[in-house]
Structures are given as structure tokens and as C-alpha cells.
PDB file of N, CA and C in Angstrom:
ATOM      1  N   MET A   1       4.826 -42.202 -22.535  1.00  0.00           N
ATOM      2  CA  MET A   1       3.702 -42.804 -21.860  1.00  0.00           C
ATOM      3  C   MET A   1       3.223 -44.042 -22.614  1.00  0.00           C
ATOM      4  N   VAL A   2       3.201 -43.947 -23.931  1.00  0.00           N
ATOM      5  CA  VAL A   2       2.759 -45.091 -24.739  1.00  0.00           C
ATOM      6  C   VAL A   2       3.742 -46.246 -24.580  1.00  0.00           C
ATOM      7  N   GLN A   3       5.023 -45.935 -24.586  1.00  0.00           N
ATOM      8  CA  GLN A   3       6.030 -46.988 -24.413  1.00  0.00           C
ATOM      9  C   GLN A   3       5.870 -47.661 -23.058  1.00  0.00           C
ATOM     10  N   ARG A   4       5.670 -46.879 -22.006  1.00  0.00           N
ATOM     11  CA  ARG A   4       5.489 -47.440 -20.674  1.00  0.00           C
ATOM     12  C   ARG A   4       4.239 -48.310 -20.625  1.00  0.00           C
ATOM     13  N   ALA A   5       3.152 -47.839 -21.258  1.00  0.00           N
ATOM     14  CA  ALA A   5       1.911 -48.616 -21.290  1.00  0.00           C
ATOM     15  C   ALA A   5       2.121 -49.938 -22.007  1.00  0.00           C
ATOM     16  N   TYR A   6       2.875 -49.919 -23.107  1.00  0.00           N
ATOM     17  CA  TYR A   6       3.128 -51.145 -23.854  1.00  0.00           C
ATOM     18  C   TYR A   6       3.959 -52.123 -23.023  1.00  0.00           C
ATOM     19  N   VAL A   7       4.993 -51.621 -22.372  1.00  0.00           N
ATOM     20  CA  VAL A   7       5.868 -52.481 -21.565  1.00  0.00           C
ATOM     21  C   VAL A   7       5.086 -53.115 -20.415  1.00  0.00           C
ATOM     22  N   LEU A   8       4.174 -52.353 -19.825  1.00  0.00           N
ATOM     23  CA  LEU A   8       3.412 -52.855 -18.676  1.00  0.00           C
ATOM     24  C   LEU A   8       2.154 -53.629 -19.059  1.00  0.00           C
ATOM     25  N   ALA A   9       1.797 -53.630 -20.339  1.00  0.00           N
ATOM     26  CA  ALA A   9       0.577 -54.301 -20.783  1.00  0.00           C
ATOM     27  C   ALA A   9       0.689 -55.811 -20.615  1.00  0.00           C
ATOM     28  N   ALA A  10      -0.422 -56.422 -20.246  1.00  0.00           N
ATOM     29  CA  ALA A  10      -0.452 -57.872 -20.055  1.00  0.00           C
ATOM     30  C   ALA A  10      -0.499 -58.604 -21.391  1.00  0.00           C
ATOM     31  N   GLU A  11      -1.002 -57.940 -22.424  1.00  0.00           N
ATOM     32  CA  GLU A  11      -1.123 -58.552 -23.744  1.00  0.00           C
ATOM     33  C   GLU A  11      -0.327 -57.741 -24.755  1.00  0.00           C
ATOM     34  N   ASP A  12      -0.425 -58.102 -26.034  1.00  0.00           N
ATOM     35  CA  ASP A  12       0.319 -57.407 -27.074  1.00  0.00           C
ATOM     36  C   ASP A  12      -0.263 -56.044 -27.436  1.00  0.00           C
ATOM     37  N   ALA A  13      -1.494 -55.788 -27.071  1.00  0.00           N
ATOM     38  CA  ALA A  13      -2.136 -54.521 -27.418  1.00  0.00           C
ATOM     39  C   ALA A  13      -2.421 -53.729 -26.149  1.00  0.00           C
ATOM     40  N   ILE A  14      -2.440 -52.416 -26.313  1.00  0.00           N
ATOM     41  CA  ILE A  14      -2.821 -51.566 -25.189  1.00  0.00           C
ATOM     42  C   ILE A  14      -4.143 -50.903 -25.527  1.00  0.00           C
ATOM     43  N   GLY A  15      -4.938 -50.665 -24.511  1.00  0.00           N
ATOM     44  CA  GLY A  15      -6.253 -50.062 -24.733  1.00  0.00           C
ATOM     45  C   GLY A  15      -6.415 -48.809 -23.909  1.00  0.00           C
ATOM     46  N   ALA A  16      -7.647 -48.367 -23.769  1.00  0.00           N
ATOM     47  CA  ALA A  16      -7.950 -47.127 -23.051  1.00  0.00           C
ATOM     48  C   ALA A  16      -7.530 -47.188 -21.593  1.00  0.00           C
ATOM     49  N   GLN A  17      -7.575 -48.363 -20.997  1.00  0.00           N
ATOM     50  CA  GLN A  17      -7.189 -48.470 -19.596  1.00  0.00           C
ATOM     51  C   GLN A  17      -5.727 -48.123 -19.394  1.00  0.00           C
ATOM     52  N   ALA A  18      -4.916 -48.204 -20.423  1.00  0.00           N
ATOM     53  CA  ALA A  18      -3.496 -47.895 -20.313  1.00  0.00           C
ATOM     54  C   ALA A  18      -3.254 -46.402 -20.151  1.00  0.00           C
ATOM     55  N   GLU A  19      -4.240 -45.579 -20.491  1.00  0.00           N
ATOM     56  CA  GLU A  19      -4.071 -44.139 -20.389  1.00  0.00           C
ATOM     57  C   GLU A  19      -4.049 -43.668 -18.944  1.00  0.00           C
ATOM     58  N   ALA A  20      -4.700 -44.369 -18.075  1.00  0.00           N
ATOM     59  CA  ALA A  20      -4.736 -43.969 -16.676  1.00  0.00           C
ATOM     60  C   ALA A  20      -3.425 -44.336 -15.995  1.00  0.00           C
ATOM     61  N   SER A  21      -2.873 -43.390 -15.264  1.00  0.00           N
ATOM     62  CA  SER A  21      -1.635 -43.654 -14.537  1.00  0.00           C
ATOM     63  C   SER A  21      -1.944 -44.515 -13.323  1.00  0.00           C
ATOM     64  N   PRO A  22      -1.020 -45.390 -12.966  1.00  0.00           N
ATOM     65  CA  PRO A  22      -1.220 -46.163 -11.741  1.00  0.00           C
ATOM     66  C   PRO A  22      -1.267 -45.217 -10.549  1.00  0.00           C
ATOM     67  N   THR A  23      -2.002 -45.580  -9.537  1.00  0.00           N
ATOM     68  CA  THR A  23      -2.112 -44.720  -8.363  1.00  0.00           C
ATOM     69  C   THR A  23      -1.736 -45.488  -7.109  1.00  0.00           C
ATOM     70  N   ALA A  24      -1.464 -44.748  -6.064  1.00  0.00           N
ATOM     71  CA  ALA A  24      -1.179 -45.347  -4.773  1.00  0.00           C
ATOM     72  C   ALA A  24      -2.496 -45.780  -4.146  1.00  0.00           C
ATOM     73  N   ILE A  25      -2.435 -46.821  -3.357  1.00  0.00           N
ATOM     74  CA  ILE A  25      -3.615 -47.336  -2.672  1.00  0.00           C
ATOM     75  C   ILE A  25      -3.420 -47.117  -1.182  1.00  0.00           C
ATOM     76  N   GLU A  26      -4.326 -46.355  -0.573  1.00  0.00           N
ATOM     77  CA  GLU A  26      -4.250 -46.110   0.859  1.00  0.00           C
ATOM     78  C   GLU A  26      -5.060 -47.172   1.588  1.00  0.00           C
ATOM     79  N   ARG A  27      -4.463 -47.778   2.554  1.00  0.00           N
ATOM     80  CA  ARG A  27      -5.116 -48.843   3.316  1.00  0.00           C
ATOM     81  C   ARG A  27      -5.714 -48.284   4.605  1.00  0.00           C
ATOM     82  N   SER A  28      -6.598 -49.039   5.204  1.00  0.00           N
ATOM     83  CA  SER A  28      -7.285 -48.572   6.406  1.00  0.00           C
ATOM     84  C   SER A  28      -6.351 -48.405   7.601  1.00  0.00           C
ATOM     85  N   ASP A  29      -5.195 -49.075   7.591  1.00  0.00           N
ATOM     86  CA  ASP A  29      -4.263 -48.944   8.710  1.00  0.00           C
ATOM     87  C   ASP A  29      -3.334 -47.743   8.553  1.00  0.00           C
ATOM     88  N   GLY A  30      -3.554 -46.924   7.512  1.00  0.00           N
ATOM     89  CA  GLY A  30      -2.739 -45.733   7.298  1.00  0.00           C
ATOM     90  C   GLY A  30      -1.547 -45.957   6.398  1.00  0.00           C
ATOM     91  N   SER A  31      -1.276 -47.204   6.034  1.00  0.00           N
ATOM     92  CA  SER A  31      -0.153 -47.465   5.136  1.00  0.00           C
ATOM     93  C   SER A  31      -0.568 -47.183   3.699  1.00  0.00           C
ATOM     94  N   VAL A  32       0.425 -47.012   2.843  1.00  0.00           N
ATOM     95  CA  VAL A  32       0.184 -46.725   1.437  1.00  0.00           C
ATOM     96  C   VAL A  32       0.953 -47.735   0.605  1.00  0.00           C
ATOM     97  N   THR A  33       0.301 -48.312  -0.392  1.00  0.00           N
ATOM     98  CA  THR A  33       0.930 -49.254  -1.312  1.00  0.00           C
ATOM     99  C   THR A  33       1.006 -48.597  -2.681  1.00  0.00           C
ATOM    100  N   PHE A  34       2.190 -48.655  -3.291  1.00  0.00           N
ATOM    101  CA  PHE A  34       2.375 -48.076  -4.610  1.00  0.00           C
ATOM    102  C   PHE A  34       2.396 -49.185  -5.642  1.00  0.00           C
ATOM    103  N   GLN A  35       1.771 -48.933  -6.781  1.00  0.00           N
ATOM    104  CA  GLN A  35       1.684 -49.933  -7.830  1.00  0.00           C
ATOM    105  C   GLN A  35       2.937 -49.913  -8.691  1.00  0.00           C
ATOM    106  N   VAL A  36       3.317 -51.076  -9.169  1.00  0.00           N
ATOM    107  CA  VAL A  36       4.419 -51.181 -10.111  1.00  0.00           C
ATOM    108  C   VAL A  36       4.071 -50.357 -11.342  1.00  0.00           C
ATOM    109  N   GLY A  37       5.023 -49.607 -11.846  1.00  0.00           N
ATOM    110  CA  GLY A  37       4.788 -48.776 -13.016  1.00  0.00           C
ATOM    111  C   GLY A  37       4.641 -47.310 -12.695  1.00  0.00           C
ATOM    112  N   MET A  38       4.495 -46.983 -11.398  1.00  0.00           N
ATOM    113  CA  MET A  38       4.437 -45.576 -11.018  1.00  0.00           C
ATOM    114  C   MET A  38       5.838 -44.981 -11.129  1.00  0.00           C
ATOM    115  N   THR A  39       5.922 -43.750 -11.589  1.00  0.00           N
ATOM    116  CA  THR A  39       7.218 -43.076 -11.649  1.00  0.00           C
ATOM    117  C   THR A  39       7.575 -42.560 -10.258  1.00  0.00           C
ATOM    118  N   PHE A  40       8.851 -42.228 -10.072  1.00  0.00           N
ATOM    119  CA  PHE A  40       9.262 -41.654  -8.792  1.00  0.00           C
ATOM    120  C   PHE A  40       8.540 -40.341  -8.530  1.00  0.00           C
ATOM    121  N   ASP A  41       8.299 -39.555  -9.564  1.00  0.00           N
ATOM    122  CA  ASP A  41       7.561 -38.302  -9.399  1.00  0.00           C
ATOM    123  C   ASP A  41       6.137 -38.565  -8.911  1.00  0.00           C
ATOM    124  N   GLU A  42       5.485 -39.578  -9.464  1.00  0.00           N
ATOM    125  CA  GLU A  42       4.126 -39.922  -9.029  1.00  0.00           C
ATOM    126  C   GLU A  42       4.123 -40.402  -7.586  1.00  0.00           C
ATOM    127  N   ILE A  43       5.109 -41.211  -7.229  1.00  0.00           N
ATOM    128  CA  ILE A  43       5.204 -41.720  -5.853  1.00  0.00           C
ATOM    129  C   ILE A  43       5.453 -40.572  -4.887  1.00  0.00           C
ATOM    130  N   GLU A  44       6.373 -39.678  -5.247  1.00  0.00           N
ATOM    131  CA  GLU A  44       6.664 -38.532  -4.389  1.00  0.00           C
ATOM    132  C   GLU A  44       5.421 -37.668  -4.188  1.00  0.00           C
ATOM    133  N   ARG A  45       4.691 -37.394  -5.281  1.00  0.00           N
ATOM    134  CA  ARG A  45       3.491 -36.568  -5.189  1.00  0.00           C
ATOM    135  C   ARG A  45       2.431 -37.230  -4.310  1.00  0.00           C
ATOM    136  N   GLU A  46       2.179 -38.494  -4.542  1.00  0.00           N
ATOM    137  CA  GLU A  46       1.168 -39.204  -3.742  1.00  0.00           C
ATOM    138  C   GLU A  46       1.557 -39.221  -2.260  1.00  0.00           C
ATOM    139  N   MET A  47       2.829 -39.486  -1.966  1.00  0.00           N
ATOM    140  CA  MET A  47       3.271 -39.545  -0.571  1.00  0.00           C
ATOM    141  C   MET A  47       3.147 -38.171   0.089  1.00  0.00           C
ATOM    142  N   LEU A  48       3.525 -37.120  -0.635  1.00  0.00           N
ATOM    143  CA  LEU A  48       3.413 -35.775  -0.081  1.00  0.00           C
ATOM    144  C   LEU A  48       1.953 -35.416   0.180  1.00  0.00           C
ATOM    145  N   LEU A  49       1.086 -35.657  -0.794  1.00  0.00           N
ATOM    146  CA  LEU A  49      -0.325 -35.298  -0.633  1.00  0.00           C
ATOM    147  C   LEU A  49      -1.004 -36.121   0.457  1.00  0.00           C
ATOM    148  N   LYS A  50      -0.680 -37.397   0.540  1.00  0.00           N
ATOM    149  CA  LYS A  50      -1.287 -38.237   1.581  1.00  0.00           C
ATOM    150  C   LYS A  50      -0.766 -37.854   2.967  1.00  0.00           C
ATOM    151  N   THR A  51       0.508 -37.471   3.062  1.00  0.00           N
ATOM    152  CA  THR A  51       1.058 -37.032   4.344  1.00  0.00           C
ATOM    153  C   THR A  51       0.431 -35.711   4.764  1.00  0.00           C
ATOM    154  N   LEU A  52       0.263 -34.797   3.815  1.00  0.00           N
ATOM    155  CA  LEU A  52      -0.424 -33.542   4.125  1.00  0.00           C
ATOM    156  C   LEU A  52      -1.853 -33.796   4.605  1.00  0.00           C
ATOM    157  N   ALA A  53      -2.568 -34.673   3.925  1.00  0.00           N
ATOM    158  CA  ALA A  53      -3.942 -34.994   4.322  1.00  0.00           C
ATOM    159  C   ALA A  53      -3.966 -35.596   5.727  1.00  0.00           C
ATOM    160  N   HIS A  54      -3.004 -36.462   6.010  1.00  0.00           N
ATOM    161  CA  HIS A  54      -2.917 -37.097   7.330  1.00  0.00           C
ATOM    162  C   HIS A  54      -2.733 -36.049   8.435  1.00  0.00           C
ATOM    163  N   HIS A  55      -1.998 -34.991   8.125  1.00  0.00           N
ATOM    164  CA  HIS A  55      -1.726 -33.932   9.104  1.00  0.00           C
ATOM    165  C   HIS A  55      -2.662 -32.731   8.949  1.00  0.00           C
ATOM    166  N   GLY A  56      -3.800 -32.922   8.302  1.00  0.00           N
ATOM    167  CA  GLY A  56      -4.776 -31.853   8.168  1.00  0.00           C
ATOM    168  C   GLY A  56      -4.246 -30.652   7.405  1.00  0.00           C
ATOM    169  N   ASN A  57      -3.414 -30.899   6.411  1.00  0.00           N
ATOM    170  CA  ASN A  57      -2.784 -29.885   5.561  1.00  0.00           C
ATOM    171  C   ASN A  57      -1.802 -28.989   6.320  1.00  0.00           C
ATOM    172  N   ASN A  58      -1.340 -29.449   7.484  1.00  0.00           N
ATOM    173  CA  ASN A  58      -0.336 -28.707   8.242  1.00  0.00           C
ATOM    174  C   ASN A  58       1.030 -29.019   7.635  1.00  0.00           C
ATOM    175  N   LYS A  59       1.550 -28.050   6.915  1.00  0.00           N
ATOM    176  CA  LYS A  59       2.796 -28.259   6.167  1.00  0.00           C
ATOM    177  C   LYS A  59       4.001 -28.443   7.073  1.00  0.00           C
ATOM    178  N   ARG A  60       4.009 -27.783   8.205  1.00  0.00           N
ATOM    179  CA  ARG A  60       5.129 -27.926   9.144  1.00  0.00           C
ATOM    180  C   ARG A  60       5.202 -29.351   9.693  1.00  0.00           C
ATOM    181  N   GLN A  61       4.066 -29.902  10.093  1.00  0.00           N
ATOM    182  CA  GLN A  61       4.036 -31.281  10.600  1.00  0.00           C
ATOM    183  C   GLN A  61       4.392 -32.272   9.498  1.00  0.00           C
ATOM    184  N   ALA A  62       3.848 -32.064   8.303  1.00  0.00           N
ATOM    185  CA  ALA A  62       4.137 -32.963   7.181  1.00  0.00           C
ATOM    186  C   ALA A  62       5.624 -32.918   6.842  1.00  0.00           C
ATOM    187  N   ALA A  63       6.218 -31.729   6.869  1.00  0.00           N
ATOM    188  CA  ALA A  63       7.646 -31.591   6.577  1.00  0.00           C
ATOM    189  C   ALA A  63       8.481 -32.362   7.605  1.00  0.00           C
ATOM    190  N   ARG A  64       8.124 -32.245   8.871  1.00  0.00           N
ATOM    191  CA  ARG A  64       8.849 -33.003   9.913  1.00  0.00           C
ATOM    192  C   ARG A  64       8.730 -34.507   9.684  1.00  0.00           C
ATOM    193  N   THR A  65       7.531 -34.955   9.365  1.00  0.00           N
ATOM    194  CA  THR A  65       7.299 -36.376   9.130  1.00  0.00           C
ATOM    195  C   THR A  65       8.127 -36.884   7.952  1.00  0.00           C
ATOM    196  N   LEU A  66       8.186 -36.087   6.873  1.00  0.00           N
ATOM    197  CA  LEU A  66       8.884 -36.504   5.659  1.00  0.00           C
ATOM    198  C   LEU A  66      10.381 -36.210   5.683  1.00  0.00           C
ATOM    199  N   GLY A  67      10.825 -35.444   6.671  1.00  0.00           N
ATOM    200  CA  GLY A  67      12.244 -35.122   6.771  1.00  0.00           C
ATOM    201  C   GLY A  67      12.697 -34.106   5.733  1.00  0.00           C
ATOM    202  N   ILE A  68      11.793 -33.179   5.381  1.00  0.00           N
ATOM    203  CA  ILE A  68      12.109 -32.134   4.410  1.00  0.00           C
ATOM    204  C   ILE A  68      11.700 -30.795   5.007  1.00  0.00           C
ATOM    205  N   THR A  69      11.983 -29.710   4.300  1.00  0.00           N
ATOM    206  CA  THR A  69      11.604 -28.389   4.785  1.00  0.00           C
ATOM    207  C   THR A  69      10.219 -28.006   4.269  1.00  0.00           C
ATOM    208  N   THR A  70       9.599 -27.046   4.959  1.00  0.00           N
ATOM    209  CA  THR A  70       8.310 -26.555   4.480  1.00  0.00           C
ATOM    210  C   THR A  70       8.479 -25.860   3.133  1.00  0.00           C
ATOM    211  N   LYS A  71       9.624 -25.250   2.894  1.00  0.00           N
ATOM    212  CA  LYS A  71       9.905 -24.616   1.604  1.00  0.00           C
ATOM    213  C   LYS A  71       9.849 -25.656   0.487  1.00  0.00           C
ATOM    214  N   THR A  72      10.388 -26.848   0.740  1.00  0.00           N
ATOM    215  CA  THR A  72      10.333 -27.921  -0.254  1.00  0.00           C
ATOM    216  C   THR A  72       8.889 -28.310  -0.544  1.00  0.00           C
ATOM    217  N   ILE A  73       8.072 -28.378   0.491  1.00  0.00           N
ATOM    218  CA  ILE A  73       6.654 -28.709   0.289  1.00  0.00           C
ATOM    219  C   ILE A  73       5.980 -27.647  -0.570  1.00  0.00           C
ATOM    220  N   TYR A  74       6.193 -26.368  -0.244  1.00  0.00           N
ATOM    221  CA  TYR A  74       5.595 -25.307  -1.045  1.00  0.00           C
ATOM    222  C   TYR A  74       6.070 -25.353  -2.489  1.00  0.00           C
ATOM    223  N   ASN A  75       7.360 -25.575  -2.697  1.00  0.00           N
ATOM    224  CA  ASN A  75       7.884 -25.656  -4.065  1.00  0.00           C
ATOM    225  C   ASN A  75       7.236 -26.787  -4.839  1.00  0.00           C
ATOM    226  N   ARG A  76       7.088 -27.952  -4.204  1.00  0.00           N
ATOM    227  CA  ARG A  76       6.454 -29.089  -4.882  1.00  0.00           C
ATOM    228  C   ARG A  76       4.993 -28.788  -5.196  1.00  0.00           C
ATOM    229  N   LEU A  77       4.270 -28.226  -4.227  1.00  0.00           N
ATOM    230  CA  LEU A  77       2.858 -27.924  -4.435  1.00  0.00           C
ATOM    231  C   LEU A  77       2.667 -26.888  -5.540  1.00  0.00           C
ATOM    232  N   LEU A  78       3.525 -25.889  -5.587  1.00  0.00           N
ATOM    233  CA  LEU A  78       3.448 -24.897  -6.668  1.00  0.00           C
ATOM    234  C   LEU A  78       3.692 -25.547  -8.019  1.00  0.00           C
ATOM    235  N   ARG A  79       4.650 -26.473  -8.069  1.00  0.00           N
ATOM    236  CA  ARG A  79       4.917 -27.183  -9.332  1.00  0.00           C
ATOM    237  C   ARG A  79       3.719 -28.037  -9.722  1.00  0.00           C
ATOM    238  N   TYR A  80       3.143 -28.770  -8.764  1.00  0.00           N
ATOM    239  CA  TYR A  80       1.979 -29.614  -9.064  1.00  0.00           C
ATOM    240  C   TYR A  80       0.819 -28.758  -9.570  1.00  0.00           C
ATOM    241  N   ARG A  81       0.619 -27.589  -8.943  1.00  0.00           N
ATOM    242  CA  ARG A  81      -0.464 -26.701  -9.382  1.00  0.00           C
ATOM    243  C   ARG A  81      -0.215 -26.183 -10.793  1.00  0.00           C
ATOM    244  N   SER A  82       1.031 -25.805 -11.088  1.00  0.00           N
ATOM    245  CA  SER A  82       1.337 -25.285 -12.429  1.00  0.00           C
ATOM    246  C   SER A  82       1.149 -26.353 -13.502  1.00  0.00           C
ATOM    247  N   LEU A  83       1.302 -27.632 -13.118  1.00  0.00           N
ATOM    248  CA  LEU A  83       1.088 -28.735 -14.051  1.00  0.00           C
ATOM    249  C   LEU A  83      -0.375 -29.175 -14.108  1.00  0.00           C
ATOM    250  N   GLY A  84      -1.218 -28.548 -13.284  1.00  0.00           N
ATOM    251  CA  GLY A  84      -2.634 -28.892 -13.256  1.00  0.00           C
ATOM    252  C   GLY A  84      -2.930 -30.173 -12.501  1.00  0.00           C
ATOM    253  N   LEU A  85      -2.008 -30.599 -11.642  1.00  0.00           N
ATOM    254  CA  LEU A  85      -2.191 -31.856 -10.905  1.00  0.00           C
ATOM    255  C   LEU A  85      -2.948 -31.664  -9.601  1.00  0.00           C
ATOM    256  N   ILE A  86      -2.942 -30.441  -9.085  1.00  0.00           N
ATOM    257  CA  ILE A  86      -3.704 -30.119  -7.876  1.00  0.00           C
ATOM    258  C   ILE A  86      -4.357 -28.763  -8.082  1.00  0.00           C
ATOM    259  N   GLY A  87      -5.335 -28.476  -7.251  1.00  0.00           N
ATOM    260  CA  GLY A  87      -6.010 -27.184  -7.310  1.00  0.00           C
ATOM    261  C   GLY A  87      -5.487 -26.241  -6.246  1.00  0.00           C
ATOM    262  N   ASP A  88      -5.972 -25.012  -6.274  1.00  0.00           N
ATOM    263  CA  ASP A  88      -5.538 -24.003  -5.309  1.00  0.00           C
ATOM    264  C   ASP A  88      -5.862 -24.403  -3.865  1.00  0.00           C
ATOM    265  N   GLU A  89      -6.973 -25.136  -3.681  1.00  0.00           N
ATOM    266  CA  GLU A  89      -7.365 -25.526  -2.330  1.00  0.00           C
ATOM    267  C   GLU A  89      -6.345 -26.448  -1.686  1.00  0.00           C
ATOM    268  N   GLN A  90      -5.658 -27.265  -2.467  1.00  0.00           N
ATOM    269  CA  GLN A  90      -4.630 -28.149  -1.923  1.00  0.00           C
ATOM    270  C   GLN A  90      -3.340 -27.402  -1.636  1.00  0.00           C
ATOM    271  N   LEU A  91      -3.082 -26.326  -2.364  1.00  0.00           N
ATOM    272  CA  LEU A  91      -1.892 -25.520  -2.111  1.00  0.00           C
ATOM    273  C   LEU A  91      -1.995 -24.831  -0.769  1.00  0.00           C
ATOM    274  N   GLY A  92      -3.166 -24.293  -0.470  1.00  0.00           N
ATOM    275  CA  GLY A  92      -3.344 -23.603   0.797  1.00  0.00           C
ATOM    276  C   GLY A  92      -2.536 -22.328   0.841  1.00  0.00           C
ATOM    277  N   SER A  93      -2.200 -21.914   2.057  1.00  0.00           N
ATOM    278  CA  SER A  93      -1.395 -20.706   2.237  1.00  0.00           C
ATOM    279  C   SER A  93      -0.386 -20.961   3.322  1.00  0.00           C
ATOM    280  N   GLU A  94       0.497 -20.002   3.516  1.00  0.00           N
ATOM    281  CA  GLU A  94       1.511 -20.154   4.560  1.00  0.00           C
ATOM    282  C   GLU A  94       0.883 -20.150   5.948  1.00  0.00           C
ATOM    283  N   ASP A  95      -0.349 -19.691   6.052  1.00  0.00           N
ATOM    284  CA  ASP A  95      -1.050 -19.694   7.340  1.00  0.00           C
ATOM    285  C   ASP A  95      -1.484 -21.095   7.756  1.00  0.00           C
ATOM    286  N   ASP A  96      -1.390 -22.067   6.824  1.00  0.00           N
ATOM    287  CA  ASP A  96      -1.804 -23.437   7.120  1.00  0.00           C
ATOM    288  C   ASP A  96      -0.798 -24.178   7.990  1.00  0.00           C
ATOM    289  N   ASP A  97       0.371 -23.568   8.232  1.00  0.00           N
ATOM    290  CA  ASP A  97       1.423 -24.259   9.005  1.00  0.00           C
ATOM    291  C   ASP A  97       0.988 -24.507  10.415  1.00  0.00           C
TER     292      ASP A  97
END
């Protein structure tokens, strides 16, 4: 993380702002812009969570939109929860389909 912060820093030193990971920016037209420096894992997580939010946490609809299975969505959400990246409320249940 420190190496990435240094490479992406505008100056020779990195400060506290470098600790925050870049995030996706959701626009009013529903599109999402990803910032340079985001990892593929961060992009995947943001896209999955934003797609779920767009579909009212309906995992079946989100899976169809993303071209993946609902099992893949559950596996990703369980991993995000185990890493402390999301809470139980975002995981939902299988009844949310």
C-alpha cells in the first residue's frame, strides 16, 4: 500500500491522504467512474455493490446484469464481510433474490 501511495503521489512525499483508497464515483446518470490507482478487486467490489444497490439488493437481477451467477455474488459478499469491508446488512439472505 505504501509503495502504491508513493507511485501515485503527486510530490516526493506521501501524507495521510495517501492512506485512503481511491473510490468509484457514481454519477447522476447512473454511470460509475473509477479512479486511477484502484485495484481490480476494489473495482469489482464497487461495481458489485453499486449494481446490487441499483437492483434493490436483488441478487438474481444483479447477477443477470453482471453476467455472473448468484452463487458468485454470495461468495464475493461473504469474502467482503470476512474482510470487514461490508456489514451483515449488505450480505442479506437468500430470500433477497
